[in-house]
Amino acid sequence: MNAHSFVSALRQAGPYINAHRDRTFVILFSGEALLDRSQFMNIVNDLALLHSLGIKLVLVHGARPQIEERLREAGLQSRYVDGLRITDSATLICVKQVVGQIRIRVEASLSMALANSPLHGARIRVVSANFVTARPLGIRDGVDYCFTGEVRRIDAQAIKTVLANDAIVLLSPLGYSPTGEIFNVNAEEVAIATASALRADKLLLYLEQSEAPTANGQPLRQLSPSDVTHLLAENSHLSEAMQRYLRHALQACRAGVRRIHLLDRRVEGALLLELFTRDGIGILITADIYEGIRPATIDDVGGILDLIRPLEDEGILVWRSRELLEIEIERFTVVERDGAIIACAALYPFAVERLGELGCVAVHPDYRNRGRADTLLRFIEQKAGKQGLARLFVLTTRAAHWFRERGFEPAEVDDLPLQKQRLYNWQRRSKVFIKAL
């Protein structure tokens, strides 16, 4: 990388570095990732970098291939029903041995401080403890799962205390009962339950296979829970592995986790590329306010008018009559919360010039400065791209800095489509900004 590329990349990462500081991320990596030593050390180095940037990390590791190997060495056979391991007493001994070895290895990897390594001077402390309370699955459909369990509770307060003391938390696929029993639990379940209990900002899952779902031949990099439900119901081309990952993500969304990132562990630096670049490299599933974004309908006219009238009275937005809004309603996108319209924006395409006008961006005062406008902008940009538009323009009198901060560049009235130039209000003297998509 030359100096210019390095500076450019660092500048692009700057806003994300600030945004992620003091955030809590739960990161799951599989037992397969641990088997690839050189690649796993790259992941460890990336985790150390995140920790040095002030991100609070909870790591959850899998152990399936290591357990399978240990059972073979012991002359024992793995038994599964509905994808769940039956953990009898002999199997539990092997599980405990493997998990203990993996925990020690991960702790040792994060403790490296060689002068010629990325971990030099990191001084990372790793804490593992009985943070996971579990209960037995019991007998289901006549099958006794023995010491296979499910998460009952996560000691969120204890984990938060550790994180507040600048340490990394490491969780294994084991849970403990109040009676002192040990249960083999699913690592994905531990990660989801932990992210939910902590109200983590992100849950990141390293995948062994990560073919992105597609629509119209294009990879889908951002999905809502409803999108995932549709994909699982309609897309038979998805591999069993990807279907399983998507079901985990959907489960996490329903458990209250705001953002779930699916990352291909085989991609070098996938974690950093996902977190510190604009487009990322993984698949984002979010129940964030995207879930409330939808095209406006005629029934939304009243709610939109209530939202934009105060801004029109202040001269921030151009006045629109109810009749005009009813005519243009198909151009609008709204964010709905509990039946109320809390944000809106409109897209007016100029197909010949491949330009789109972003108009009437409004957010209810109670919901400002919480990312709603940014979410709407990203949604409109995606919508414009699907319509074949190459650039977006906006006319504004009060929000010039907001648009500049989001990639819009100053332009002139002459840069607008001819039809828009003829309608330009010279008394209002709105500033023109254009953004390439």
Protein backbone atom coordinates (compact mmCIF):
# COMPACT_ATOMS: atom_id res chain seq x y z
CA MET A 1 0.00 0.00 0.00
CA ASN A 2 1.37 3.39 -0.95
CA ALA A 3 1.27 6.43 1.33
CA HIS A 4 -1.78 7.96 -0.37
CA SER A 5 -3.81 4.74 -0.08
CA PHE A 6 -2.84 4.36 3.55
CA VAL A 7 -3.86 7.92 4.44
CA SER A 8 -7.12 7.57 2.52
CA ALA A 9 -7.98 4.28 4.26
CA LEU A 10 -7.16 5.68 7.69
CA ARG A 11 -9.31 8.76 7.09
CA GLN A 12 -12.21 6.58 5.99
CA ALA A 13 -11.85 4.46 9.11
CA GLY A 14 -11.72 7.49 11.44
CA PRO A 15 -15.48 8.00 11.88
CA TYR A 16 -15.98 4.31 12.60
CA ILE A 17 -13.18 4.27 15.15
CA ASN A 18 -14.97 7.04 17.04
CA ALA A 19 -18.39 5.42 16.62
CA HIS A 20 -17.26 2.02 17.94
CA ARG A 21 -15.34 3.26 20.98
CA ASP A 22 -16.88 1.99 24.26
CA ARG A 23 -19.34 -0.18 22.33
CA THR A 24 -19.89 -3.83 23.26
CA PHE A 25 -19.37 -6.48 20.60
CA VAL A 26 -20.00 -10.20 21.03
CA ILE A 27 -17.89 -12.21 18.57
CA LEU A 28 -18.33 -15.92 17.85
CA PHE A 29 -15.68 -18.01 16.11
CA SER A 30 -16.01 -21.71 15.38
CA GLY A 31 -13.82 -24.63 16.34
CA GLU A 32 -12.81 -24.83 12.68
CA ALA A 33 -11.31 -21.34 12.92
CA LEU A 34 -9.10 -22.51 15.77
CA LEU A 35 -7.74 -25.37 13.67
CA ASP A 36 -6.26 -22.94 11.13
CA ARG A 37 -3.45 -21.62 13.31
CA SER A 38 -2.03 -18.88 11.06
CA GLN A 39 -5.47 -17.61 10.12
CA PHE A 40 -6.63 -17.71 13.72
CA MET A 41 -3.63 -15.65 14.82
CA ASN A 42 -4.67 -13.03 12.27
CA ILE A 43 -8.11 -12.96 13.92
CA VAL A 44 -6.45 -12.64 17.33
CA ASN A 45 -4.39 -9.71 16.08
CA ASP A 46 -7.55 -8.03 14.78
CA LEU A 47 -9.25 -8.59 18.14
CA ALA A 48 -6.28 -7.01 19.89
CA LEU A 49 -6.58 -3.99 17.63
CA LEU A 50 -10.29 -3.62 18.45
CA HIS A 51 -9.49 -3.84 22.15
CA SER A 52 -6.81 -1.15 21.82
CA LEU A 53 -9.40 1.12 20.17
CA GLY A 54 -11.62 0.97 23.23
CA ILE A 55 -14.13 -1.64 22.04
CA LYS A 56 -15.50 -3.95 24.74
CA LEU A 57 -15.18 -7.54 23.54
CA VAL A 58 -16.95 -10.73 24.58
CA LEU A 59 -15.58 -13.74 22.70
CA VAL A 60 -17.45 -17.03 22.33
CA HIS A 61 -15.66 -20.05 20.87
CA GLY A 62 -16.97 -23.24 19.35
CA ALA A 63 -15.40 -26.67 19.73
CA ARG A 64 -17.27 -29.16 17.53
CA PRO A 65 -14.40 -30.53 15.37
CA GLN A 66 -12.09 -30.77 18.38
CA ILE A 67 -14.76 -32.67 20.32
CA GLU A 68 -15.30 -35.01 17.38
CA GLU A 69 -11.57 -35.75 17.23
CA ARG A 70 -11.33 -36.33 20.97
CA LEU A 71 -14.27 -38.74 20.88
CA ARG A 72 -12.61 -40.71 18.06
CA GLU A 73 -9.40 -40.92 20.09
CA ALA A 74 -11.41 -42.23 23.04
CA GLY A 75 -13.21 -44.80 20.87
CA LEU A 76 -16.57 -43.09 21.38
CA GLN A 77 -19.18 -42.38 18.73
CA SER A 78 -20.91 -39.03 18.28
CA ARG A 79 -24.67 -39.13 18.46
CA TYR A 80 -26.92 -36.37 17.14
CA VAL A 81 -30.67 -35.90 17.07
CA ASP A 82 -32.13 -32.90 15.24
CA GLY A 83 -28.63 -31.44 14.99
CA LEU A 84 -28.05 -31.60 18.77
CA ARG A 85 -25.33 -33.72 20.32
CA ILE A 86 -26.40 -36.25 22.93
CA THR A 87 -23.89 -35.71 25.72
CA ASP A 88 -23.68 -38.75 27.98
CA SER A 89 -21.23 -38.98 30.89
CA ALA A 90 -18.33 -40.26 28.79
CA THR A 91 -18.90 -37.63 26.11
CA LEU A 92 -19.07 -34.88 28.74
CA ILE A 93 -15.60 -35.82 29.97
CA CYS A 94 -14.24 -35.33 26.44
CA VAL A 95 -16.15 -32.06 26.04
CA LYS A 96 -14.67 -30.68 29.26
CA GLN A 97 -11.15 -31.71 28.24
CA VAL A 98 -11.45 -30.07 24.82
CA VAL A 99 -13.06 -26.88 26.08
CA GLY A 100 -10.39 -26.49 28.73
CA GLN A 101 -7.63 -26.89 26.16
CA ILE A 102 -9.24 -24.40 23.78
CA ARG A 103 -9.79 -21.85 26.52
CA ILE A 104 -6.13 -22.04 27.53
CA ARG A 105 -5.00 -21.73 23.90
CA VAL A 106 -7.15 -18.66 23.25
CA GLU A 107 -5.98 -17.02 26.47
CA ALA A 108 -2.37 -17.77 25.57
CA SER A 109 -2.83 -16.33 22.06
CA LEU A 110 -4.23 -13.10 23.45
CA SER A 111 -1.40 -12.92 25.97
CA MET A 112 1.38 -12.88 23.38
CA ALA A 113 3.50 -9.75 23.51
CA LEU A 114 6.42 -10.44 21.18
CA ALA A 115 8.22 -7.36 19.99
CA ASN A 116 7.77 -8.33 16.35
CA SER A 117 4.07 -9.15 16.61
CA PRO A 118 0.94 -6.96 16.31
CA LEU A 119 0.20 -7.81 19.95
CA HIS A 120 3.38 -6.15 21.20
CA GLY A 121 2.52 -3.94 24.17
CA ALA A 122 -1.19 -4.81 24.03
CA ARG A 123 -1.32 -6.00 27.68
CA ILE A 124 -4.65 -7.76 27.20
CA ARG A 125 -6.30 -9.42 30.17
CA VAL A 126 -8.75 -12.25 29.45
CA VAL A 127 -11.36 -13.38 31.98
CA SER A 128 -13.21 -16.69 31.81
CA ALA A 129 -15.70 -17.58 34.52
CA ASN A 130 -19.04 -19.24 35.21
CA PHE A 131 -21.04 -16.50 33.52
CA VAL A 132 -23.43 -18.95 31.82
CA THR A 133 -26.16 -20.69 33.82
CA ALA A 134 -27.67 -23.66 32.00
CA ARG A 135 -30.35 -26.28 32.42
CA PRO A 136 -30.72 -29.71 30.82
CA LEU A 137 -32.63 -30.13 27.59
CA GLY A 138 -34.11 -33.19 29.26
CA ILE A 139 -36.12 -35.75 27.32
CA ARG A 140 -37.65 -34.61 24.03
CA ASP A 141 -39.71 -36.87 21.80
CA GLY A 142 -38.45 -39.80 23.80
CA VAL A 143 -34.78 -38.84 23.42
CA ASP A 144 -32.75 -38.22 26.57
CA TYR A 145 -30.12 -35.59 25.79
CA CYS A 146 -28.35 -36.29 29.10
CA PHE A 147 -25.82 -33.49 29.73
CA THR A 148 -26.71 -31.43 26.66
CA GLY A 149 -28.19 -28.21 27.97
CA GLU A 150 -29.58 -24.84 27.03
CA VAL A 151 -28.80 -21.38 28.31
CA ARG A 152 -30.94 -20.39 31.26
CA ARG A 153 -29.33 -17.10 32.24
CA ILE A 154 -26.30 -14.94 31.47
CA ASP A 155 -24.68 -13.05 34.36
CA ALA A 156 -24.72 -9.79 32.45
CA GLN A 157 -23.76 -7.61 35.42
CA ALA A 158 -20.64 -9.66 36.14
CA ILE A 159 -19.61 -9.50 32.48
CA LYS A 160 -20.14 -5.74 32.40
CA THR A 161 -17.95 -5.37 35.48
CA VAL A 162 -15.14 -7.26 33.76
CA LEU A 163 -15.51 -5.19 30.59
CA ALA A 164 -15.48 -1.97 32.60
CA ASN A 165 -12.09 -3.05 33.99
CA ASP A 166 -10.64 -3.16 30.46
CA ALA A 167 -10.54 -6.93 30.10
CA ILE A 168 -11.84 -9.26 27.40
CA VAL A 169 -14.44 -11.85 28.38
CA LEU A 170 -14.05 -15.36 26.94
CA LEU A 171 -17.05 -17.71 27.00
CA SER A 172 -17.03 -21.42 26.20
CA PRO A 173 -19.89 -23.72 25.14
CA LEU A 174 -20.40 -24.89 28.70
CA GLY A 175 -23.04 -23.88 31.22
CA TYR A 176 -23.40 -24.52 34.92
CA SER A 177 -26.49 -25.30 36.97
CA PRO A 178 -27.23 -24.03 40.50
CA THR A 179 -26.75 -27.63 41.65
CA GLY A 180 -23.19 -27.72 40.31
CA GLU A 181 -23.81 -29.76 37.16
CA ILE A 182 -22.02 -28.97 33.90
CA PHE A 183 -23.84 -28.94 30.57
CA ASN A 184 -22.67 -28.93 26.98
CA VAL A 185 -24.45 -26.01 25.30
CA ASN A 186 -24.50 -24.70 21.76
CA ALA A 187 -21.91 -21.96 21.15
CA GLU A 188 -24.29 -20.00 18.91
CA GLU A 189 -26.90 -20.06 21.65
CA VAL A 190 -24.36 -18.76 24.17
CA ALA A 191 -23.40 -15.92 21.82
CA ILE A 192 -27.00 -14.93 21.10
CA ALA A 193 -28.07 -15.08 24.75
CA THR A 194 -25.02 -13.07 25.81
CA ALA A 195 -25.54 -10.38 23.17
CA SER A 196 -29.19 -10.11 24.19
CA ALA A 197 -28.47 -9.95 27.94
CA LEU A 198 -25.77 -7.31 27.49
CA ARG A 199 -27.81 -5.32 24.95
CA ALA A 200 -24.68 -5.57 22.84
CA ASP A 201 -24.22 -3.13 19.98
CA LYS A 202 -23.19 -5.92 17.61
CA LEU A 203 -23.11 -9.68 17.36
CA LEU A 204 -20.49 -10.85 14.84
CA LEU A 205 -20.43 -14.45 13.67
CA TYR A 206 -17.47 -15.91 11.82
CA LEU A 207 -18.77 -18.37 9.24
CA GLU A 208 -17.16 -21.32 7.50
CA GLN A 209 -19.22 -20.71 4.37
CA SER A 210 -20.54 -17.29 3.47
CA GLU A 211 -22.18 -17.16 0.08
CA ALA A 212 -24.29 -14.01 0.16
CA PRO A 213 -27.99 -14.40 -0.72
CA THR A 214 -28.87 -12.72 -4.00
CA ALA A 215 -31.76 -10.84 -5.57
CA ASN A 216 -31.87 -10.14 -9.31
CA GLY A 217 -28.33 -11.44 -9.53
CA GLN A 218 -27.00 -8.96 -6.96
CA PRO A 219 -25.61 -10.01 -3.55
CA LEU A 220 -27.72 -8.93 -0.59
CA ARG A 221 -25.45 -7.38 2.01
CA GLN A 222 -28.11 -5.89 4.28
CA LEU A 223 -31.25 -7.69 5.42
CA SER A 224 -34.12 -7.07 7.80
CA PRO A 225 -35.71 -9.88 9.80
CA SER A 226 -38.59 -9.95 7.34
CA ASP A 227 -36.08 -10.28 4.48
CA VAL A 228 -34.45 -13.23 6.24
CA THR A 229 -37.82 -14.89 6.83
CA HIS A 230 -38.63 -14.52 3.14
CA LEU A 231 -35.24 -15.89 2.06
CA LEU A 232 -35.58 -18.94 4.30
CA ALA A 233 -39.07 -19.60 2.97
CA GLU A 234 -38.48 -18.96 -0.73
CA ASN A 235 -34.81 -19.46 -1.61
CA SER A 236 -34.01 -23.14 -1.92
CA HIS A 237 -30.62 -22.30 -3.48
CA LEU A 238 -29.20 -21.32 -0.09
CA SER A 239 -26.85 -23.90 1.37
CA GLU A 240 -27.82 -25.65 4.59
CA ALA A 241 -24.99 -23.84 6.34
CA MET A 242 -26.18 -20.40 5.22
CA GLN A 243 -29.76 -21.24 6.17
CA ARG A 244 -28.52 -22.18 9.63
CA TYR A 245 -26.56 -18.94 9.97
CA LEU A 246 -29.57 -16.90 8.86
CA ARG A 247 -31.80 -18.69 11.37
CA HIS A 248 -29.29 -17.84 14.11
CA ALA A 249 -29.33 -14.20 13.01
CA LEU A 250 -33.12 -14.15 12.98
CA GLN A 251 -33.16 -15.65 16.46
CA ALA A 252 -30.74 -12.96 17.64
CA CYS A 253 -32.91 -10.20 16.17
CA ARG A 254 -35.94 -11.57 17.96
CA ALA A 255 -33.88 -11.67 21.17
CA GLY A 256 -33.31 -7.92 20.87
CA VAL A 257 -29.84 -7.81 19.31
CA ARG A 258 -29.76 -4.72 17.09
CA ARG A 259 -27.14 -5.71 14.53
CA ILE A 260 -25.81 -9.10 13.49
CA HIS A 261 -22.87 -9.38 11.09
CA LEU A 262 -22.08 -12.61 9.23
CA LEU A 263 -18.40 -12.76 8.23
CA ASP A 264 -16.48 -15.24 6.09
CA ARG A 265 -13.49 -16.16 8.26
CA ARG A 266 -11.52 -17.12 5.15
CA VAL A 267 -11.39 -13.47 4.05
CA GLU A 268 -8.24 -11.89 5.44
CA GLY A 269 -9.12 -9.03 7.79
CA ALA A 270 -12.87 -9.60 7.41
CA LEU A 271 -13.55 -8.20 10.88
CA LEU A 272 -11.72 -4.94 10.20
CA LEU A 273 -13.17 -4.57 6.71
CA GLU A 274 -16.68 -5.00 8.07
CA LEU A 275 -16.29 -2.56 10.94
CA PHE A 276 -14.11 0.17 9.45
CA THR A 277 -15.14 0.54 5.81
CA ARG A 278 -18.24 2.15 4.41
CA ASP A 279 -19.60 -0.85 2.52
CA GLY A 280 -18.25 -3.62 4.73
CA ILE A 281 -17.65 -7.13 3.48
CA GLY A 282 -20.13 -9.32 5.34
CA ILE A 283 -23.89 -9.63 5.60
CA LEU A 284 -25.71 -7.32 8.02
CA ILE A 285 -29.01 -8.41 9.53
CA THR A 286 -30.63 -5.70 11.58
CA ALA A 287 -33.89 -5.17 13.41
CA ASP A 288 -32.88 -1.54 13.79
CA ILE A 289 -35.10 1.17 12.36
CA TYR A 290 -34.85 -0.36 8.89
CA GLU A 291 -37.59 -2.65 10.07
CA GLY A 292 -39.89 0.37 10.17
CA ILE A 293 -38.94 1.72 6.76
CA ARG A 294 -41.48 1.23 3.98
CA PRO A 295 -42.95 2.98 0.94
CA ALA A 296 -45.56 5.56 1.85
CA THR A 297 -49.23 5.01 1.03
CA ILE A 298 -52.14 7.39 0.67
CA ASP A 299 -53.07 6.62 4.28
CA ASP A 300 -49.78 8.21 5.40
CA VAL A 301 -50.55 11.67 4.00
CA GLY A 302 -51.91 12.98 7.29
CA GLY A 303 -48.96 11.69 9.29
CA ILE A 304 -46.45 13.16 6.83
CA LEU A 305 -48.20 16.52 6.91
CA ASP A 306 -48.09 16.57 10.73
CA LEU A 307 -44.37 15.81 10.51
CA ILE A 308 -43.37 18.40 7.90
CA ARG A 309 -45.68 21.34 8.72
CA PRO A 310 -43.47 22.70 11.59
CA LEU A 311 -40.44 22.56 9.29
CA GLU A 312 -42.36 24.30 6.53
CA ASP A 313 -43.43 27.03 8.97
CA GLU A 314 -39.76 27.57 9.86
CA GLY A 315 -38.84 27.79 6.18
CA ILE A 316 -36.66 24.67 6.36
CA LEU A 317 -38.84 22.76 3.90
CA VAL A 318 -40.76 23.99 0.89
CA TRP A 319 -44.50 24.13 1.55
CA ARG A 320 -46.55 21.27 0.10
CA SER A 321 -50.33 21.16 -0.12
CA ARG A 322 -52.25 18.05 0.82
CA GLU A 323 -53.27 17.68 -2.82
CA LEU A 324 -49.66 17.79 -4.04
CA LEU A 325 -48.56 15.33 -1.37
CA GLU A 326 -51.33 12.93 -2.38
CA ILE A 327 -50.15 13.13 -6.00
CA GLU A 328 -46.49 12.56 -5.05
CA ILE A 329 -47.05 10.02 -2.29
CA GLU A 330 -45.44 7.19 -4.28
CA ARG A 331 -42.17 9.14 -4.19
CA PHE A 332 -42.08 9.05 -0.38
CA THR A 333 -40.49 6.62 2.06
CA VAL A 334 -41.47 6.70 5.72
CA VAL A 335 -40.23 5.35 9.05
CA GLU A 336 -43.11 4.10 11.15
CA ARG A 337 -42.95 3.47 14.88
CA ASP A 338 -45.94 2.09 16.76
CA GLY A 339 -48.25 3.27 14.01
CA ALA A 340 -46.86 6.83 13.88
CA ILE A 341 -44.81 8.38 11.08
CA ILE A 342 -41.59 9.59 12.70
CA ALA A 343 -39.49 10.29 9.60
CA CYS A 344 -39.86 10.65 5.86
CA ALA A 345 -37.95 11.41 2.67
CA ALA A 346 -38.76 11.54 -1.02
CA LEU A 347 -36.93 10.53 -4.20
CA TYR A 348 -37.70 12.29 -7.50
CA PRO A 349 -35.92 10.56 -10.41
CA PHE A 350 -34.70 12.31 -13.56
CA ALA A 351 -34.03 9.26 -15.69
CA VAL A 352 -32.46 11.01 -18.71
CA GLU A 353 -29.74 12.66 -16.62
CA ARG A 354 -29.53 9.63 -14.29
CA LEU A 355 -30.00 12.06 -11.40
CA GLY A 356 -32.33 11.78 -8.43
CA GLU A 357 -33.54 14.53 -6.12
CA LEU A 358 -33.58 13.80 -2.41
CA GLY A 359 -36.36 15.90 -0.98
CA CYS A 360 -38.50 16.49 2.10
CA VAL A 361 -36.14 14.83 4.60
CA ALA A 362 -37.80 15.20 7.99
CA VAL A 363 -37.48 13.50 11.38
CA HIS A 364 -39.78 14.02 14.36
CA PRO A 365 -38.06 16.10 17.09
CA ASP A 366 -38.34 13.25 19.61
CA TYR A 367 -36.30 10.97 17.36
CA ARG A 368 -33.60 13.26 16.02
CA ASN A 369 -29.88 12.60 16.49
CA ARG A 370 -30.51 8.85 16.71
CA GLY A 371 -29.55 7.87 13.18
CA ARG A 372 -33.00 8.02 11.57
CA ALA A 373 -31.96 10.53 8.91
CA ASP A 374 -28.81 8.53 8.12
CA THR A 375 -30.91 5.40 7.79
CA LEU A 376 -33.33 7.12 5.44
CA LEU A 377 -30.46 8.48 3.36
CA ARG A 378 -28.92 5.02 2.96
CA PHE A 379 -32.31 3.58 2.05
CA ILE A 380 -32.93 6.31 -0.57
CA GLU A 381 -29.42 5.79 -1.99
CA GLN A 382 -30.12 2.08 -2.40
CA LYS A 383 -33.50 2.83 -3.97
CA ALA A 384 -31.90 5.29 -6.39
CA GLY A 385 -29.24 2.76 -7.35
CA LYS A 386 -31.89 0.15 -8.13
CA GLN A 387 -33.57 2.69 -10.44
CA GLY A 388 -30.34 3.12 -12.38
CA LEU A 389 -29.56 6.60 -11.04
CA ALA A 390 -25.90 7.53 -10.75
CA ARG A 391 -26.12 10.61 -8.51
CA LEU A 392 -28.35 12.26 -5.93
CA PHE A 393 -28.84 16.00 -5.56
CA VAL A 394 -30.44 18.02 -2.81
CA LEU A 395 -31.50 21.65 -2.36
CA THR A 396 -31.17 22.98 1.17
CA THR A 397 -31.10 26.26 3.07
CA ARG A 398 -30.32 25.03 6.60
CA ALA A 399 -28.72 21.58 6.44
CA ALA A 400 -25.68 22.18 4.23
CA HIS A 401 -23.20 20.84 6.80
CA TRP A 402 -25.25 17.70 7.42
CA PHE A 403 -25.22 16.80 3.74
CA ARG A 404 -21.53 17.73 3.33
CA GLU A 405 -20.65 15.35 6.17
CA ARG A 406 -22.40 12.56 4.28
CA GLY A 407 -20.55 12.88 1.02
CA PHE A 408 -22.55 15.53 -0.84
CA GLU A 409 -20.40 18.02 -2.74
CA PRO A 410 -21.29 21.67 -3.52
CA ALA A 411 -22.68 22.23 -7.01
CA GLU A 412 -24.34 24.93 -9.09
CA VAL A 413 -27.88 25.39 -10.33
CA ASP A 414 -26.54 24.71 -13.84
CA ASP A 415 -25.62 21.19 -12.68
CA LEU A 416 -29.28 20.35 -12.06
CA PRO A 417 -31.54 18.69 -14.65
CA LEU A 418 -33.03 21.27 -17.03
CA GLN A 419 -36.53 20.66 -15.72
CA LYS A 420 -35.35 21.38 -12.16
CA GLN A 421 -33.40 24.46 -13.26
CA ARG A 422 -36.60 25.99 -14.64
CA LEU A 423 -38.33 25.45 -11.28
CA TYR A 424 -35.46 26.75 -9.13
CA ASN A 425 -36.65 29.38 -6.62
CA TRP A 426 -34.11 32.22 -6.83
CA GLN A 427 -35.72 34.03 -3.89
CA ARG A 428 -35.22 31.01 -1.63
CA ARG A 429 -31.61 30.68 -2.88
CA SER A 430 -31.23 27.06 -1.79
CA LYS A 431 -27.73 25.62 -1.96
CA VAL A 432 -27.16 22.74 -4.34
CA PHE A 433 -25.29 19.57 -3.36
CA ILE A 434 -24.67 16.43 -5.41
CA LYS A 435 -23.45 12.99 -4.33
CA ALA A 436 -22.20 10.21 -6.59
CA LEU A 437 -23.72 6.81 -5.79
